[in-house]
Amino acid sequence: MNSAYKIFRHSARISFILLPQVVEGTTTGDWDDDYERHERSLQGMLRDLETGRVRVLGGLRSLEASDLDEMIPLWDKKHRRAEGVNMLVGELVYHAGQIALLRGAYRRAH
């Protein structure tokens, strides 16, 4: 079962590691990190989310429109860079909604 902590840690991983790799075109086809295998503090995850946000926004600003059509290795296949960005940003929004739901349920119960 997912906890708010695990969802938040997964979101920090997307923001800090996965999305920057897609934006920068440095993916290997397999996510070769161990971010989620380690306990993280809330402050550390918040720092990683912010670092990832700054890195991704800067990377997106530096891209040309044609860069989004570049084929990069993702999930053991080649995908357009735009696909990877859209999928991962969509996943971040989805997980933010999960966390908001859990926060609301907790606040109503307490």
C-alpha atoms as a PDB file:
ATOM      1  CA  MET A   1       0.000   0.000   0.000  1.00  0.00           C
ATOM      2  CA  ASN A   2       1.246   3.472  -0.845  1.00  0.00           C
ATOM      3  CA  SER A   3       1.647   6.016   1.889  1.00  0.00           C
ATOM      4  CA  ALA A   4       1.829   9.762   1.429  1.00  0.00           C
ATOM      5  CA  TYR A   5       5.558   9.433   2.131  1.00  0.00           C
ATOM      6  CA  LYS A   6       6.081   6.896  -0.670  1.00  0.00           C
ATOM      7  CA  ILE A   7       4.045   8.955  -3.128  1.00  0.00           C
ATOM      8  CA  PHE A   8       5.996  12.084  -2.193  1.00  0.00           C
ATOM      9  CA  ARG A   9       9.336  10.258  -2.477  1.00  0.00           C
ATOM     10  CA  HIS A  10       8.322   8.911  -5.898  1.00  0.00           C
ATOM     11  CA  SER A  11       7.353  12.435  -7.011  1.00  0.00           C
ATOM     12  CA  ALA A  12      10.703  13.788  -5.803  1.00  0.00           C
ATOM     13  CA  ARG A  13      12.462  11.075  -7.837  1.00  0.00           C
ATOM     14  CA  ILE A  14      10.528  12.047 -10.964  1.00  0.00           C
ATOM     15  CA  SER A  15      11.333  15.727 -10.471  1.00  0.00           C
ATOM     16  CA  PHE A  16      14.967  15.318  -9.402  1.00  0.00           C
ATOM     17  CA  ILE A  17      16.138  12.427 -11.615  1.00  0.00           C
ATOM     18  CA  LEU A  18      13.752  11.200 -14.289  1.00  0.00           C
ATOM     19  CA  LEU A  19      12.300  14.379 -15.771  1.00  0.00           C
ATOM     20  CA  PRO A  20      15.687  16.149 -15.987  1.00  0.00           C
ATOM     21  CA  GLN A  21      17.089  13.125 -17.858  1.00  0.00           C
ATOM     22  CA  VAL A  22      14.236  13.288 -20.369  1.00  0.00           C
ATOM     23  CA  VAL A  23      14.495  17.050 -20.836  1.00  0.00           C
ATOM     24  CA  GLU A  24      18.285  16.867 -21.231  1.00  0.00           C
ATOM     25  CA  GLY A  25      18.129  13.788 -23.460  1.00  0.00           C
ATOM     26  CA  THR A  26      20.452  11.789 -21.185  1.00  0.00           C
ATOM     27  CA  THR A  27      18.192   8.775 -20.664  1.00  0.00           C
ATOM     28  CA  THR A  28      19.609   5.285 -21.040  1.00  0.00           C
ATOM     29  CA  GLY A  29      16.332   3.450 -21.642  1.00  0.00           C
ATOM     30  CA  ASP A  30      16.268   2.176 -18.079  1.00  0.00           C
ATOM     31  CA  TRP A  31      16.066   4.251 -14.914  1.00  0.00           C
ATOM     32  CA  ASP A  32      19.387   3.373 -13.332  1.00  0.00           C
ATOM     33  CA  ASP A  33      18.938   5.113 -10.018  1.00  0.00           C
ATOM     34  CA  ASP A  34      18.200   3.941  -6.504  1.00  0.00           C
ATOM     35  CA  TYR A  35      16.451   7.066  -5.211  1.00  0.00           C
ATOM     36  CA  GLU A  36      13.413   5.206  -3.882  1.00  0.00           C
ATOM     37  CA  ARG A  37      15.455   2.504  -2.154  1.00  0.00           C
ATOM     38  CA  HIS A  38      16.606   4.956   0.518  1.00  0.00           C
ATOM     39  CA  GLU A  39      14.757   6.754   3.256  1.00  0.00           C
ATOM     40  CA  ARG A  40      14.580  10.488   2.610  1.00  0.00           C
ATOM     41  CA  SER A  41      13.767  13.348   4.942  1.00  0.00           C
ATOM     42  CA  LEU A  42      10.914  15.663   4.098  1.00  0.00           C
ATOM     43  CA  GLN A  43      13.375  18.566   3.835  1.00  0.00           C
ATOM     44  CA  GLY A  44      15.615  16.549   1.529  1.00  0.00           C
ATOM     45  CA  MET A  45      12.717  15.637  -0.747  1.00  0.00           C
ATOM     46  CA  LEU A  46      11.495  19.240  -0.810  1.00  0.00           C
ATOM     47  CA  ARG A  47      15.021  20.336  -1.771  1.00  0.00           C
ATOM     48  CA  ASP A  48      15.138  17.681  -4.520  1.00  0.00           C
ATOM     49  CA  LEU A  49      11.727  18.764  -5.850  1.00  0.00           C
ATOM     50  CA  GLU A  50      12.882  22.375  -6.056  1.00  0.00           C
ATOM     51  CA  THR A  51      16.256  21.480  -7.592  1.00  0.00           C
ATOM     52  CA  GLY A  52      14.475  19.333 -10.177  1.00  0.00           C
ATOM     53  CA  ARG A  53      11.945  22.072 -10.938  1.00  0.00           C
ATOM     54  CA  VAL A  54      14.674  24.644 -11.569  1.00  0.00           C
ATOM     55  CA  ARG A  55      16.695  22.210 -13.691  1.00  0.00           C
ATOM     56  CA  VAL A  56      13.696  21.088 -15.764  1.00  0.00           C
ATOM     57  CA  LEU A  57      12.349  24.580 -16.387  1.00  0.00           C
ATOM     58  CA  GLY A  58      15.807  25.783 -17.406  1.00  0.00           C
ATOM     59  CA  GLY A  59      16.217  22.787 -19.682  1.00  0.00           C
ATOM     60  CA  LEU A  60      12.822  23.296 -21.298  1.00  0.00           C
ATOM     61  CA  ARG A  61      13.596  26.964 -21.930  1.00  0.00           C
ATOM     62  CA  SER A  62      16.790  26.009 -23.749  1.00  0.00           C
ATOM     63  CA  LEU A  63      15.095  23.498 -26.067  1.00  0.00           C
ATOM     64  CA  GLU A  64      14.131  24.240 -29.627  1.00  0.00           C
ATOM     65  CA  ALA A  65      10.740  22.942 -30.773  1.00  0.00           C
ATOM     66  CA  SER A  66      12.515  20.369 -32.944  1.00  0.00           C
ATOM     67  CA  ASP A  67      14.274  18.964 -29.851  1.00  0.00           C
ATOM     68  CA  LEU A  68      10.918  17.700 -28.595  1.00  0.00           C
ATOM     69  CA  ASP A  69      10.685  15.434 -31.654  1.00  0.00           C
ATOM     70  CA  GLU A  70      14.058  13.835 -30.922  1.00  0.00           C
ATOM     71  CA  MET A  71      13.819  10.117 -30.297  1.00  0.00           C
ATOM     72  CA  ILE A  72      15.333   9.124 -26.947  1.00  0.00           C
ATOM     73  CA  PRO A  73      15.483   5.770 -25.144  1.00  0.00           C
ATOM     74  CA  LEU A  74      12.654   5.447 -22.633  1.00  0.00           C
ATOM     75  CA  TRP A  75      11.154   2.356 -21.065  1.00  0.00           C
ATOM     76  CA  ASP A  76      13.262   0.023 -23.251  1.00  0.00           C
ATOM     77  CA  LYS A  77      12.001   1.677 -26.467  1.00  0.00           C
ATOM     78  CA  LYS A  78      12.565   4.866 -28.426  1.00  0.00           C
ATOM     79  CA  HIS A  79      10.051   7.646 -27.764  1.00  0.00           C
ATOM     80  CA  ARG A  80       9.828  11.295 -28.729  1.00  0.00           C
ATOM     81  CA  ARG A  81      11.247  13.496 -25.995  1.00  0.00           C
ATOM     82  CA  ALA A  82       7.882  15.319 -25.852  1.00  0.00           C
ATOM     83  CA  GLU A  83       6.177  12.019 -24.967  1.00  0.00           C
ATOM     84  CA  GLY A  84       8.473  11.479 -22.009  1.00  0.00           C
ATOM     85  CA  VAL A  85       8.003  15.036 -20.764  1.00  0.00           C
ATOM     86  CA  ASN A  86       4.217  14.768 -21.065  1.00  0.00           C
ATOM     87  CA  MET A  87       4.034  11.380 -19.363  1.00  0.00           C
ATOM     88  CA  LEU A  88       6.233  12.389 -16.428  1.00  0.00           C
ATOM     89  CA  VAL A  89       4.600  15.795 -15.915  1.00  0.00           C
ATOM     90  CA  GLY A  90       1.224  14.045 -16.015  1.00  0.00           C
ATOM     91  CA  GLU A  91       2.440  11.580 -13.412  1.00  0.00           C
ATOM     92  CA  LEU A  92       3.584  14.433 -11.151  1.00  0.00           C
ATOM     93  CA  VAL A  93       0.148  16.061 -11.413  1.00  0.00           C
ATOM     94  CA  TYR A  94      -1.536  12.720 -10.669  1.00  0.00           C
ATOM     95  CA  HIS A  95       0.585  12.152  -7.573  1.00  0.00           C
ATOM     96  CA  ALA A  96       0.027  15.735  -6.382  1.00  0.00           C
ATOM     97  CA  GLY A  97      -3.694  14.979  -6.521  1.00  0.00           C
ATOM     98  CA  GLN A  98      -3.185  11.816  -4.480  1.00  0.00           C
ATOM     99  CA  ILE A  99      -1.282  13.745  -1.817  1.00  0.00           C
ATOM    100  CA  ALA A 100      -3.945  16.485  -1.743  1.00  0.00           C
ATOM    101  CA  LEU A 101      -6.645  13.846  -1.277  1.00  0.00           C
ATOM    102  CA  LEU A 102      -4.749  12.212   1.589  1.00  0.00           C
ATOM    103  CA  ARG A 103      -4.090  15.571   3.252  1.00  0.00           C
ATOM    104  CA  GLY A 104      -7.755  16.503   3.000  1.00  0.00           C
ATOM    105  CA  ALA A 105      -8.904  13.157   4.387  1.00  0.00           C
ATOM    106  CA  TYR A 106      -6.450  13.457   7.276  1.00  0.00           C
ATOM    107  CA  ARG A 107      -7.526  17.003   8.101  1.00  0.00           C
ATOM    108  CA  ARG A 108     -11.219  16.047   8.088  1.00  0.00           C
ATOM    109  CA  ALA A 109     -10.523  13.078  10.366  1.00  0.00           C
ATOM    110  CA  HIS A 110      -8.471  15.073  12.877  1.00  0.00           C
END
